[in-house]
Amino acid sequence: MDERTIAGLFATVVIAALAVLGVFGFGSGYLINPPTGVYLVPSIAILVVAVLVVGGLTALGAGSRRWRENPYW
């Protein structure tokens, strides 16, 4: 394995671990021991906005002509 493959694998493992920690934190914070409900709706709204922004940026980057014309790829 070269250094890029190892770095990519490590980054994937770190992102997966952060996702698991986030799901665990959400589950223990809201589902098992729910607060009074004041923060649940804003938290879900922020999560939806974050997913939309990341998805939009990914779509813009994937559709970029400059990215596809780069001789590196």
N, C-alpha and C. Protein backbone atom coordinates (compact mmCIF):
# COMPACT_ATOMS: atom_id res chain seq x y z
N MET A 1 0.84 -1.20 0.00
CA MET A 1 0.00 0.00 0.00
C MET A 1 0.88 1.25 0.00
N ASP A 2 0.45 2.20 -0.74
CA ASP A 2 1.19 3.45 -0.74
C ASP A 2 0.62 4.39 0.31
N GLU A 3 1.26 5.54 0.46
CA GLU A 3 0.87 6.47 1.52
C GLU A 3 -0.53 7.04 1.31
N ARG A 4 -0.93 7.26 0.06
CA ARG A 4 -2.26 7.81 -0.20
C ARG A 4 -3.35 6.82 0.18
N THR A 5 -3.14 5.57 -0.10
CA THR A 5 -4.14 4.56 0.24
C THR A 5 -4.29 4.45 1.74
N ILE A 6 -3.19 4.48 2.45
CA ILE A 6 -3.24 4.40 3.91
C ILE A 6 -3.92 5.65 4.48
N ALA A 7 -3.59 6.81 3.95
CA ALA A 7 -4.21 8.05 4.43
C ALA A 7 -5.70 8.07 4.13
N GLY A 8 -6.09 7.59 2.95
CA GLY A 8 -7.51 7.53 2.61
C GLY A 8 -8.26 6.56 3.49
N LEU A 9 -7.66 5.41 3.78
CA LEU A 9 -8.27 4.44 4.66
C LEU A 9 -8.41 5.00 6.07
N PHE A 10 -7.38 5.67 6.55
CA PHE A 10 -7.42 6.27 7.88
C PHE A 10 -8.50 7.35 7.96
N ALA A 11 -8.60 8.18 6.93
CA ALA A 11 -9.62 9.23 6.91
C ALA A 11 -11.02 8.62 6.90
N THR A 12 -11.21 7.54 6.16
CA THR A 12 -12.51 6.87 6.13
C THR A 12 -12.86 6.30 7.49
N VAL A 13 -11.90 5.71 8.16
CA VAL A 13 -12.14 5.15 9.50
C VAL A 13 -12.47 6.26 10.48
N VAL A 14 -11.78 7.38 10.40
CA VAL A 14 -12.05 8.50 11.31
C VAL A 14 -13.45 9.06 11.07
N ILE A 15 -13.85 9.22 9.82
CA ILE A 15 -15.18 9.74 9.51
C ILE A 15 -16.25 8.77 9.99
N ALA A 16 -16.04 7.47 9.80
CA ALA A 16 -17.00 6.48 10.27
C ALA A 16 -17.11 6.50 11.79
N ALA A 17 -15.97 6.64 12.47
CA ALA A 17 -15.99 6.70 13.94
C ALA A 17 -16.73 7.94 14.42
N LEU A 18 -16.52 9.07 13.77
CA LEU A 18 -17.23 10.29 14.16
C LEU A 18 -18.74 10.15 13.91
N ALA A 19 -19.11 9.48 12.84
CA ALA A 19 -20.53 9.25 12.56
C ALA A 19 -21.15 8.36 13.64
N VAL A 20 -20.43 7.32 14.04
CA VAL A 20 -20.94 6.43 15.09
C VAL A 20 -21.07 7.19 16.40
N LEU A 21 -20.09 8.00 16.73
CA LEU A 21 -20.17 8.80 17.96
C LEU A 21 -21.33 9.79 17.91
N GLY A 22 -21.57 10.38 16.75
CA GLY A 22 -22.69 11.30 16.61
C GLY A 22 -24.03 10.62 16.78
N VAL A 23 -24.17 9.45 16.17
CA VAL A 23 -25.42 8.69 16.32
C VAL A 23 -25.61 8.25 17.77
N PHE A 24 -24.54 7.81 18.41
CA PHE A 24 -24.62 7.42 19.81
C PHE A 24 -24.99 8.61 20.69
N GLY A 25 -24.37 9.75 20.44
CA GLY A 25 -24.68 10.95 21.22
C GLY A 25 -26.11 11.40 21.03
N PHE A 26 -26.59 11.36 19.79
CA PHE A 26 -27.98 11.73 19.54
C PHE A 26 -28.92 10.76 20.22
N GLY A 27 -28.60 9.48 20.12
CA GLY A 27 -29.47 8.47 20.73
C GLY A 27 -29.51 8.58 22.24
N SER A 28 -28.37 8.79 22.86
CA SER A 28 -28.35 8.89 24.32
C SER A 28 -28.86 10.24 24.81
N GLY A 29 -28.70 11.26 24.01
CA GLY A 29 -29.12 12.59 24.45
C GLY A 29 -30.58 12.89 24.21
N TYR A 30 -31.14 12.39 23.11
CA TYR A 30 -32.53 12.74 22.76
C TYR A 30 -33.49 11.56 22.85
N LEU A 31 -33.06 10.39 22.46
CA LEU A 31 -33.99 9.27 22.40
C LEU A 31 -34.14 8.55 23.73
N ILE A 32 -33.04 8.31 24.43
CA ILE A 32 -33.11 7.58 25.69
C ILE A 32 -33.52 8.51 26.83
N ASN A 33 -32.90 9.67 26.90
CA ASN A 33 -33.18 10.61 27.98
C ASN A 33 -33.58 11.94 27.37
N PRO A 34 -34.82 12.04 26.86
CA PRO A 34 -35.20 13.26 26.14
C PRO A 34 -35.30 14.48 27.05
N PRO A 35 -34.81 15.63 26.56
CA PRO A 35 -34.99 16.86 27.32
C PRO A 35 -36.44 17.33 27.20
N THR A 36 -36.70 18.52 27.64
CA THR A 36 -38.07 19.03 27.64
C THR A 36 -38.62 19.22 26.24
N GLY A 37 -37.83 19.07 25.22
CA GLY A 37 -38.29 19.19 23.84
C GLY A 37 -38.01 20.54 23.22
N VAL A 38 -37.38 21.41 23.97
CA VAL A 38 -37.11 22.76 23.47
C VAL A 38 -36.04 22.73 22.38
N TYR A 39 -35.08 21.85 22.50
CA TYR A 39 -33.94 21.85 21.58
C TYR A 39 -34.03 20.80 20.49
N LEU A 40 -35.02 19.93 20.51
CA LEU A 40 -35.08 18.86 19.54
C LEU A 40 -35.34 19.38 18.12
N VAL A 41 -36.32 20.23 17.95
CA VAL A 41 -36.66 20.75 16.62
C VAL A 41 -35.53 21.59 16.03
N PRO A 42 -34.91 22.50 16.78
CA PRO A 42 -33.77 23.23 16.21
C PRO A 42 -32.59 22.32 15.87
N SER A 43 -32.36 21.29 16.65
CA SER A 43 -31.26 20.37 16.36
C SER A 43 -31.50 19.63 15.05
N ILE A 44 -32.72 19.17 14.84
CA ILE A 44 -33.04 18.47 13.60
C ILE A 44 -32.97 19.43 12.42
N ALA A 45 -33.42 20.66 12.61
CA ALA A 45 -33.36 21.66 11.53
C ALA A 45 -31.92 21.96 11.14
N ILE A 46 -31.04 22.09 12.11
CA ILE A 46 -29.62 22.35 11.82
C ILE A 46 -29.01 21.15 11.12
N LEU A 47 -29.37 19.94 11.51
CA LEU A 47 -28.87 18.75 10.85
C LEU A 47 -29.31 18.70 9.39
N VAL A 48 -30.56 19.04 9.12
CA VAL A 48 -31.06 19.05 7.75
C VAL A 48 -30.33 20.10 6.91
N VAL A 49 -30.15 21.28 7.47
CA VAL A 49 -29.44 22.35 6.74
C VAL A 49 -27.99 21.93 6.46
N ALA A 50 -27.33 21.32 7.43
CA ALA A 50 -25.95 20.89 7.22
C ALA A 50 -25.86 19.84 6.13
N VAL A 51 -26.79 18.88 6.12
CA VAL A 51 -26.79 17.85 5.08
C VAL A 51 -27.03 18.48 3.70
N LEU A 52 -27.95 19.42 3.62
CA LEU A 52 -28.22 20.09 2.35
C LEU A 52 -27.02 20.90 1.85
N VAL A 53 -26.36 21.59 2.75
CA VAL A 53 -25.19 22.39 2.35
C VAL A 53 -24.05 21.49 1.88
N VAL A 54 -23.77 20.43 2.63
CA VAL A 54 -22.70 19.52 2.23
C VAL A 54 -23.05 18.83 0.92
N GLY A 55 -24.29 18.41 0.76
CA GLY A 55 -24.71 17.79 -0.48
C GLY A 55 -24.62 18.75 -1.66
N GLY A 56 -25.02 20.00 -1.44
CA GLY A 56 -24.92 21.01 -2.50
C GLY A 56 -23.49 21.29 -2.90
N LEU A 57 -22.61 21.41 -1.92
CA LEU A 57 -21.20 21.64 -2.24
C LEU A 57 -20.58 20.45 -2.96
N THR A 58 -20.98 19.25 -2.56
CA THR A 58 -20.49 18.05 -3.23
C THR A 58 -20.97 18.02 -4.68
N ALA A 59 -22.23 18.36 -4.91
CA ALA A 59 -22.77 18.37 -6.27
C ALA A 59 -22.07 19.43 -7.12
N LEU A 60 -21.81 20.59 -6.55
CA LEU A 60 -21.11 21.63 -7.30
C LEU A 60 -19.69 21.20 -7.64
N GLY A 61 -19.02 20.58 -6.70
CA GLY A 61 -17.65 20.14 -6.94
C GLY A 61 -17.58 19.01 -7.95
N ALA A 62 -18.54 18.09 -7.89
CA ALA A 62 -18.54 16.96 -8.81
C ALA A 62 -18.89 17.40 -10.22
N GLY A 63 -19.68 18.44 -10.37
CA GLY A 63 -20.07 18.90 -11.69
C GLY A 63 -19.17 19.97 -12.28
N SER A 64 -18.12 20.30 -11.59
CA SER A 64 -17.24 21.36 -12.06
C SER A 64 -16.43 20.91 -13.27
N ARG A 65 -16.43 21.73 -14.31
CA ARG A 65 -15.64 21.41 -15.51
C ARG A 65 -14.15 21.49 -15.20
N ARG A 66 -13.77 22.43 -14.36
CA ARG A 66 -12.35 22.58 -14.05
C ARG A 66 -11.82 21.33 -13.36
N TRP A 67 -12.61 20.74 -12.48
CA TRP A 67 -12.18 19.55 -11.78
C TRP A 67 -12.00 18.39 -12.75
N ARG A 68 -12.92 18.25 -13.72
CA ARG A 68 -12.85 17.15 -14.67
C ARG A 68 -11.75 17.35 -15.70
N GLU A 69 -11.41 18.58 -16.01
CA GLU A 69 -10.38 18.85 -17.01
C GLU A 69 -8.97 18.84 -16.43
N ASN A 70 -8.85 18.69 -15.16
CA ASN A 70 -7.54 18.67 -14.52
C ASN A 70 -6.74 17.47 -15.03
N PRO A 71 -5.52 17.68 -15.54
CA PRO A 71 -4.75 16.56 -16.09
C PRO A 71 -4.32 15.55 -15.02
N TYR A 72 -4.40 15.93 -13.77
CA TYR A 72 -4.00 15.02 -12.70
C TYR A 72 -4.91 13.80 -12.69
N TRP A 73 -6.20 14.00 -12.95
CA TRP A 73 -7.16 12.90 -12.90
C TRP A 73 -7.14 12.17 -14.21
